[in-house]
Amino acid sequence: MVVSAYRACRMLTPYATAKAAVEGLARAWADELGADPELDFMNGTTCNAVSVGFTDTDGTRYIPPQVRDPIQEFVFKMQSLGPRLASAEDIADAVGFLCGNDSRWITGQTIGLNGGFYKAH
């Protein structure tokens, strides 16, 4: 959940640091690989990241309810698109778009897949 890269979360310093690094890596690779004339075979390569919010997965379902439920309630209050978690299909559709030709002019970006969670802060 790259939300941790934007919002302070106690006891999650290493996690938040790693998530913020993903964004920097996407920007650096977009610059390095996109139009380097020395790397002719890489010309036009795009690199982006997805910033995934709280998602319904086996891992999140495994979180004990006394921990998961308050987080989920908070996420639902902050989202614009209604009280549900993202699905794996929601994430896969966006990633599929970024891998396709329709996104050829998008590079160095972090796409928020969070139901509008970021707009709230």
N, C-alpha and C. Protein backbone atom coordinates (compact mmCIF):
# COMPACT_ATOMS: atom_id res chain seq x y z
N MET A 1 0.85 -1.16 0.00
CA MET A 1 0.00 0.00 0.00
C MET A 1 0.90 1.23 0.00
N VAL A 2 1.05 1.86 -1.14
CA VAL A 2 1.94 3.00 -1.25
C VAL A 2 1.37 4.21 -0.52
N VAL A 3 0.14 4.12 -0.07
CA VAL A 3 -0.41 5.17 0.77
C VAL A 3 0.58 5.47 1.89
N SER A 4 1.26 4.46 2.37
CA SER A 4 2.25 4.64 3.44
C SER A 4 3.40 5.54 3.02
N ALA A 5 3.62 5.71 1.73
CA ALA A 5 4.67 6.61 1.27
C ALA A 5 4.25 8.07 1.44
N TYR A 6 2.95 8.33 1.55
CA TYR A 6 2.42 9.69 1.65
C TYR A 6 1.94 10.06 3.03
N ARG A 7 1.59 9.08 3.81
CA ARG A 7 0.94 9.32 5.09
C ARG A 7 1.74 8.63 6.18
N ALA A 8 2.08 9.36 7.22
CA ALA A 8 2.84 8.77 8.33
C ALA A 8 2.04 7.65 8.98
N CYS A 9 2.69 6.54 9.17
CA CYS A 9 2.06 5.38 9.81
C CYS A 9 3.02 4.86 10.87
N ARG A 10 2.62 4.96 12.09
CA ARG A 10 3.48 4.50 13.18
C ARG A 10 3.85 3.04 13.01
N MET A 11 5.08 2.75 13.34
CA MET A 11 5.61 1.38 13.33
C MET A 11 5.78 0.81 11.92
N LEU A 12 5.66 1.66 10.89
CA LEU A 12 5.79 1.18 9.52
C LEU A 12 6.90 1.89 8.76
N THR A 13 7.91 2.37 9.46
CA THR A 13 8.97 3.14 8.82
C THR A 13 9.64 2.38 7.68
N PRO A 14 10.10 1.14 7.86
CA PRO A 14 10.73 0.44 6.74
C PRO A 14 9.77 0.22 5.57
N TYR A 15 8.54 -0.08 5.87
CA TYR A 15 7.52 -0.32 4.84
C TYR A 15 7.28 0.97 4.04
N ALA A 16 7.08 2.08 4.74
CA ALA A 16 6.83 3.36 4.07
C ALA A 16 8.04 3.79 3.24
N THR A 17 9.22 3.56 3.74
CA THR A 17 10.44 3.91 3.02
C THR A 17 10.54 3.12 1.72
N ALA A 18 10.26 1.84 1.79
CA ALA A 18 10.31 1.00 0.58
C ALA A 18 9.28 1.45 -0.45
N LYS A 19 8.10 1.81 0.01
CA LYS A 19 7.05 2.24 -0.92
C LYS A 19 7.42 3.56 -1.59
N ALA A 20 8.01 4.48 -0.84
CA ALA A 20 8.44 5.75 -1.43
C ALA A 20 9.56 5.51 -2.44
N ALA A 21 10.41 4.54 -2.17
CA ALA A 21 11.52 4.23 -3.08
C ALA A 21 11.01 3.72 -4.43
N VAL A 22 9.88 3.02 -4.44
CA VAL A 22 9.31 2.52 -5.70
C VAL A 22 8.99 3.69 -6.62
N GLU A 23 8.45 4.76 -6.08
CA GLU A 23 8.14 5.93 -6.90
C GLU A 23 9.40 6.55 -7.48
N GLY A 24 10.42 6.71 -6.66
CA GLY A 24 11.69 7.26 -7.14
C GLY A 24 12.31 6.38 -8.21
N LEU A 25 12.21 5.10 -8.04
CA LEU A 25 12.75 4.16 -9.03
C LEU A 25 12.02 4.29 -10.36
N ALA A 26 10.71 4.42 -10.32
CA ALA A 26 9.94 4.58 -11.57
C ALA A 26 10.35 5.86 -12.29
N ARG A 27 10.53 6.95 -11.56
CA ARG A 27 10.94 8.21 -12.20
C ARG A 27 12.36 8.11 -12.78
N ALA A 28 13.26 7.50 -12.01
CA ALA A 28 14.65 7.38 -12.47
C ALA A 28 14.73 6.49 -13.71
N TRP A 29 14.05 5.35 -13.68
CA TRP A 29 14.10 4.45 -14.84
C TRP A 29 13.42 5.07 -16.06
N ALA A 30 12.36 5.83 -15.84
CA ALA A 30 11.70 6.50 -16.96
C ALA A 30 12.69 7.43 -17.65
N ASP A 31 13.47 8.14 -16.86
CA ASP A 31 14.46 9.06 -17.41
C ASP A 31 15.61 8.30 -18.07
N GLU A 32 16.12 7.28 -17.41
CA GLU A 32 17.28 6.55 -17.92
C GLU A 32 16.97 5.72 -19.16
N LEU A 33 15.78 5.14 -19.23
CA LEU A 33 15.48 4.19 -20.30
C LEU A 33 14.63 4.76 -21.42
N GLY A 34 14.05 5.92 -21.21
CA GLY A 34 13.08 6.43 -22.17
C GLY A 34 13.64 6.89 -23.49
N ALA A 35 14.70 7.65 -23.49
CA ALA A 35 15.16 8.25 -24.74
C ALA A 35 16.68 8.33 -24.82
N ASP A 36 17.36 7.41 -24.24
CA ASP A 36 18.83 7.42 -24.26
C ASP A 36 19.32 6.97 -25.63
N PRO A 37 19.94 7.88 -26.40
CA PRO A 37 20.40 7.49 -27.74
C PRO A 37 21.46 6.39 -27.71
N GLU A 38 22.15 6.24 -26.59
CA GLU A 38 23.15 5.18 -26.46
C GLU A 38 22.49 3.81 -26.31
N LEU A 39 21.26 3.80 -25.86
CA LEU A 39 20.52 2.55 -25.68
C LEU A 39 19.40 2.51 -26.71
N ASP A 40 19.77 2.44 -27.96
CA ASP A 40 18.82 2.54 -29.05
C ASP A 40 17.66 1.55 -28.90
N PHE A 41 17.95 0.35 -28.40
CA PHE A 41 16.89 -0.65 -28.26
C PHE A 41 15.90 -0.29 -27.15
N MET A 42 16.25 0.65 -26.27
CA MET A 42 15.36 1.05 -25.18
C MET A 42 14.55 2.30 -25.52
N ASN A 43 14.84 2.95 -26.61
CA ASN A 43 14.19 4.20 -26.94
C ASN A 43 12.67 4.03 -26.91
N GLY A 44 12.01 4.86 -26.11
CA GLY A 44 10.56 4.79 -26.00
C GLY A 44 10.06 3.91 -24.88
N THR A 45 10.95 3.32 -24.12
CA THR A 45 10.55 2.49 -23.00
C THR A 45 9.91 3.37 -21.93
N THR A 46 8.77 2.95 -21.42
CA THR A 46 8.11 3.67 -20.33
C THR A 46 8.26 2.89 -19.04
N CYS A 47 8.20 3.62 -17.94
CA CYS A 47 8.27 2.99 -16.63
C CYS A 47 7.37 3.78 -15.68
N ASN A 48 6.43 3.10 -15.08
CA ASN A 48 5.50 3.71 -14.15
C ASN A 48 5.34 2.82 -12.93
N ALA A 49 4.73 3.37 -11.90
CA ALA A 49 4.42 2.60 -10.69
C ALA A 49 2.93 2.72 -10.43
N VAL A 50 2.40 1.75 -9.72
CA VAL A 50 1.02 1.84 -9.25
C VAL A 50 1.05 1.91 -7.74
N SER A 51 0.24 2.80 -7.21
CA SER A 51 0.14 3.01 -5.78
C SER A 51 -1.20 2.43 -5.34
N VAL A 52 -1.13 1.25 -4.80
CA VAL A 52 -2.33 0.47 -4.52
C VAL A 52 -2.79 0.73 -3.09
N GLY A 53 -4.06 1.02 -2.94
CA GLY A 53 -4.64 1.18 -1.62
C GLY A 53 -4.99 -0.17 -1.01
N PHE A 54 -5.73 -0.14 0.08
CA PHE A 54 -6.12 -1.35 0.80
C PHE A 54 -6.93 -2.23 -0.15
N THR A 55 -6.45 -3.44 -0.40
CA THR A 55 -7.00 -4.32 -1.43
C THR A 55 -7.46 -5.63 -0.82
N ASP A 56 -8.56 -6.13 -1.30
CA ASP A 56 -9.10 -7.41 -0.84
C ASP A 56 -8.24 -8.54 -1.41
N THR A 57 -7.39 -9.10 -0.58
CA THR A 57 -6.52 -10.21 -0.98
C THR A 57 -6.51 -11.26 0.13
N ASP A 58 -5.91 -12.39 -0.15
CA ASP A 58 -5.75 -13.40 0.89
C ASP A 58 -5.00 -12.81 2.08
N GLY A 59 -4.01 -11.97 1.80
CA GLY A 59 -3.21 -11.37 2.87
C GLY A 59 -4.02 -10.44 3.76
N THR A 60 -4.87 -9.59 3.17
CA THR A 60 -5.66 -8.69 4.00
C THR A 60 -6.78 -9.42 4.72
N ARG A 61 -7.30 -10.49 4.13
CA ARG A 61 -8.32 -11.28 4.81
C ARG A 61 -7.75 -12.03 6.00
N TYR A 62 -6.44 -12.25 6.01
CA TYR A 62 -5.77 -12.95 7.09
C TYR A 62 -5.53 -12.06 8.31
N ILE A 63 -5.57 -10.74 8.12
CA ILE A 63 -5.36 -9.81 9.23
C ILE A 63 -6.49 -10.00 10.24
N PRO A 64 -6.16 -10.12 11.52
CA PRO A 64 -7.22 -10.31 12.52
C PRO A 64 -8.26 -9.18 12.44
N PRO A 65 -9.53 -9.52 12.57
CA PRO A 65 -10.59 -8.51 12.43
C PRO A 65 -10.42 -7.30 13.34
N GLN A 66 -9.91 -7.48 14.55
CA GLN A 66 -9.75 -6.35 15.46
C GLN A 66 -8.72 -5.35 14.95
N VAL A 67 -7.85 -5.77 14.05
CA VAL A 67 -6.88 -4.88 13.41
C VAL A 67 -7.41 -4.39 12.07
N ARG A 68 -7.92 -5.31 11.28
CA ARG A 68 -8.37 -5.00 9.92
C ARG A 68 -9.60 -4.08 9.90
N ASP A 69 -10.58 -4.34 10.73
CA ASP A 69 -11.85 -3.61 10.65
C ASP A 69 -11.71 -2.10 10.85
N PRO A 70 -10.93 -1.62 11.85
CA PRO A 70 -10.77 -0.16 11.97
C PRO A 70 -10.05 0.46 10.77
N ILE A 71 -9.09 -0.26 10.21
CA ILE A 71 -8.39 0.25 9.01
C ILE A 71 -9.38 0.34 7.86
N GLN A 72 -10.14 -0.71 7.67
CA GLN A 72 -11.10 -0.75 6.57
C GLN A 72 -12.16 0.35 6.74
N GLU A 73 -12.63 0.57 7.95
CA GLU A 73 -13.61 1.62 8.20
C GLU A 73 -13.04 3.00 7.85
N PHE A 74 -11.78 3.24 8.24
CA PHE A 74 -11.12 4.50 7.92
C PHE A 74 -10.99 4.68 6.40
N VAL A 75 -10.57 3.63 5.71
CA VAL A 75 -10.41 3.68 4.25
C VAL A 75 -11.74 3.99 3.59
N PHE A 76 -12.80 3.34 4.03
CA PHE A 76 -14.12 3.57 3.44
C PHE A 76 -14.56 5.03 3.60
N LYS A 77 -14.26 5.64 4.73
CA LYS A 77 -14.64 7.04 4.95
C LYS A 77 -13.87 7.99 4.04
N MET A 78 -12.66 7.64 3.69
CA MET A 78 -11.78 8.52 2.91
C MET A 78 -11.94 8.37 1.40
N GLN A 79 -12.47 7.25 0.94
CA GLN A 79 -12.59 6.98 -0.49
C GLN A 79 -13.76 7.75 -1.10
N SER A 80 -13.65 8.04 -2.39
CA SER A 80 -14.73 8.68 -3.14
C SER A 80 -15.64 7.66 -3.80
N LEU A 81 -15.13 6.50 -4.12
CA LEU A 81 -15.87 5.55 -4.95
C LEU A 81 -16.65 4.50 -4.17
N GLY A 82 -16.91 4.76 -2.92
CA GLY A 82 -17.78 3.89 -2.17
C GLY A 82 -17.08 2.95 -1.22
N PRO A 83 -17.87 2.35 -0.37
CA PRO A 83 -17.31 1.50 0.69
C PRO A 83 -17.00 0.08 0.23
N ARG A 84 -15.92 -0.06 -0.48
CA ARG A 84 -15.44 -1.39 -0.84
C ARG A 84 -13.93 -1.33 -0.99
N LEU A 85 -13.31 -2.48 -0.86
CA LEU A 85 -11.88 -2.57 -1.09
C LEU A 85 -11.63 -2.79 -2.56
N ALA A 86 -10.46 -2.42 -3.02
CA ALA A 86 -10.07 -2.73 -4.39
C ALA A 86 -10.00 -4.24 -4.55
N SER A 87 -10.26 -4.69 -5.75
CA SER A 87 -10.12 -6.12 -6.06
C SER A 87 -8.85 -6.32 -6.88
N ALA A 88 -8.41 -7.55 -6.94
CA ALA A 88 -7.25 -7.86 -7.78
C ALA A 88 -7.53 -7.48 -9.23
N GLU A 89 -8.77 -7.62 -9.67
CA GLU A 89 -9.14 -7.25 -11.04
C GLU A 89 -9.01 -5.74 -11.27
N ASP A 90 -9.37 -4.93 -10.27
CA ASP A 90 -9.20 -3.48 -10.38
C ASP A 90 -7.74 -3.14 -10.66
N ILE A 91 -6.86 -3.78 -9.91
CA ILE A 91 -5.43 -3.50 -10.05
C ILE A 91 -4.92 -4.02 -11.39
N ALA A 92 -5.30 -5.24 -11.74
CA ALA A 92 -4.84 -5.85 -12.99
C ALA A 92 -5.27 -5.04 -14.21
N ASP A 93 -6.48 -4.50 -14.19
CA ASP A 93 -6.95 -3.70 -15.32
C ASP A 93 -6.08 -2.45 -15.53
N ALA A 94 -5.75 -1.78 -14.45
CA ALA A 94 -4.90 -0.58 -14.56
C ALA A 94 -3.49 -0.93 -15.02
N VAL A 95 -2.94 -2.00 -14.47
CA VAL A 95 -1.60 -2.42 -14.87
C VAL A 95 -1.61 -2.85 -16.34
N GLY A 96 -2.65 -3.54 -16.76
CA GLY A 96 -2.78 -3.93 -18.16
C GLY A 96 -2.80 -2.72 -19.08
N PHE A 97 -3.51 -1.67 -18.66
CA PHE A 97 -3.53 -0.43 -19.44
C PHE A 97 -2.12 0.14 -19.56
N LEU A 98 -1.40 0.20 -18.44
CA LEU A 98 -0.04 0.76 -18.46
C LEU A 98 0.91 -0.06 -19.32
N CYS A 99 0.64 -1.33 -19.47
CA CYS A 99 1.49 -2.20 -20.29
C CYS A 99 1.14 -2.10 -21.77
N GLY A 100 0.02 -1.51 -22.10
CA GLY A 100 -0.44 -1.46 -23.49
C GLY A 100 -0.01 -0.19 -24.22
N ASN A 101 -0.30 -0.16 -25.49
CA ASN A 101 0.09 0.95 -26.36
C ASN A 101 -0.68 2.24 -26.05
N ASP A 102 -1.87 2.14 -25.47
CA ASP A 102 -2.64 3.34 -25.16
C ASP A 102 -1.97 4.22 -24.11
N SER A 103 -1.02 3.67 -23.38
CA SER A 103 -0.32 4.45 -22.35
C SER A 103 1.08 4.86 -22.78
N ARG A 104 1.35 4.85 -24.06
CA ARG A 104 2.70 5.08 -24.59
C ARG A 104 3.28 6.45 -24.23
N TRP A 105 2.44 7.41 -23.84
CA TRP A 105 2.93 8.75 -23.51
C TRP A 105 2.89 9.01 -22.00
N ILE A 106 2.74 7.95 -21.24
CA ILE A 106 2.74 8.04 -19.78
C ILE A 106 4.01 7.37 -19.28
N THR A 107 4.85 8.13 -18.61
CA THR A 107 6.08 7.56 -18.06
C THR A 107 6.54 8.36 -16.84
N GLY A 108 7.17 7.69 -15.92
CA GLY A 108 7.67 8.33 -14.72
C GLY A 108 6.57 8.71 -13.73
N GLN A 109 5.41 8.10 -13.88
CA GLN A 109 4.26 8.46 -13.06
C GLN A 109 3.95 7.36 -12.04
N THR A 110 3.30 7.76 -10.98
CA THR A 110 2.73 6.82 -10.03
C THR A 110 1.22 6.98 -10.11
N ILE A 111 0.56 5.93 -10.50
CA ILE A 111 -0.89 5.95 -10.68
C ILE A 111 -1.54 5.45 -9.39
N GLY A 112 -2.38 6.26 -8.79
CA GLY A 112 -3.05 5.88 -7.55
C GLY A 112 -4.27 5.03 -7.83
N LEU A 113 -4.26 3.83 -7.31
CA LEU A 113 -5.39 2.90 -7.45
C LEU A 113 -5.97 2.72 -6.04
N ASN A 114 -6.80 3.67 -5.65
CA ASN A 114 -7.21 3.71 -4.25
C ASN A 114 -8.63 4.21 -4.04
N GLY A 115 -9.44 4.23 -5.07
CA GLY A 115 -10.82 4.64 -4.93
C GLY A 115 -11.02 6.09 -4.51
N GLY A 116 -10.02 6.92 -4.72
CA GLY A 116 -10.11 8.33 -4.36
C GLY A 116 -9.57 8.63 -2.97
N PHE A 117 -8.89 7.69 -2.36
CA PHE A 117 -8.38 7.88 -1.01
C PHE A 117 -7.44 9.07 -0.93
N TYR A 118 -6.56 9.24 -1.92
CA TYR A 118 -5.55 10.32 -1.86
C TYR A 118 -6.15 11.70 -1.91
N LYS A 119 -7.26 11.88 -2.58
CA LYS A 119 -7.84 13.22 -2.75
C LYS A 119 -8.20 13.84 -1.41
N ALA A 120 -8.33 13.03 -0.39
CA ALA A 120 -8.82 13.52 0.89
C ALA A 120 -7.75 14.19 1.73
N HIS A 121 -6.47 14.10 1.32
CA HIS A 121 -5.43 14.75 2.13
C HIS A 121 -4.33 15.31 1.26
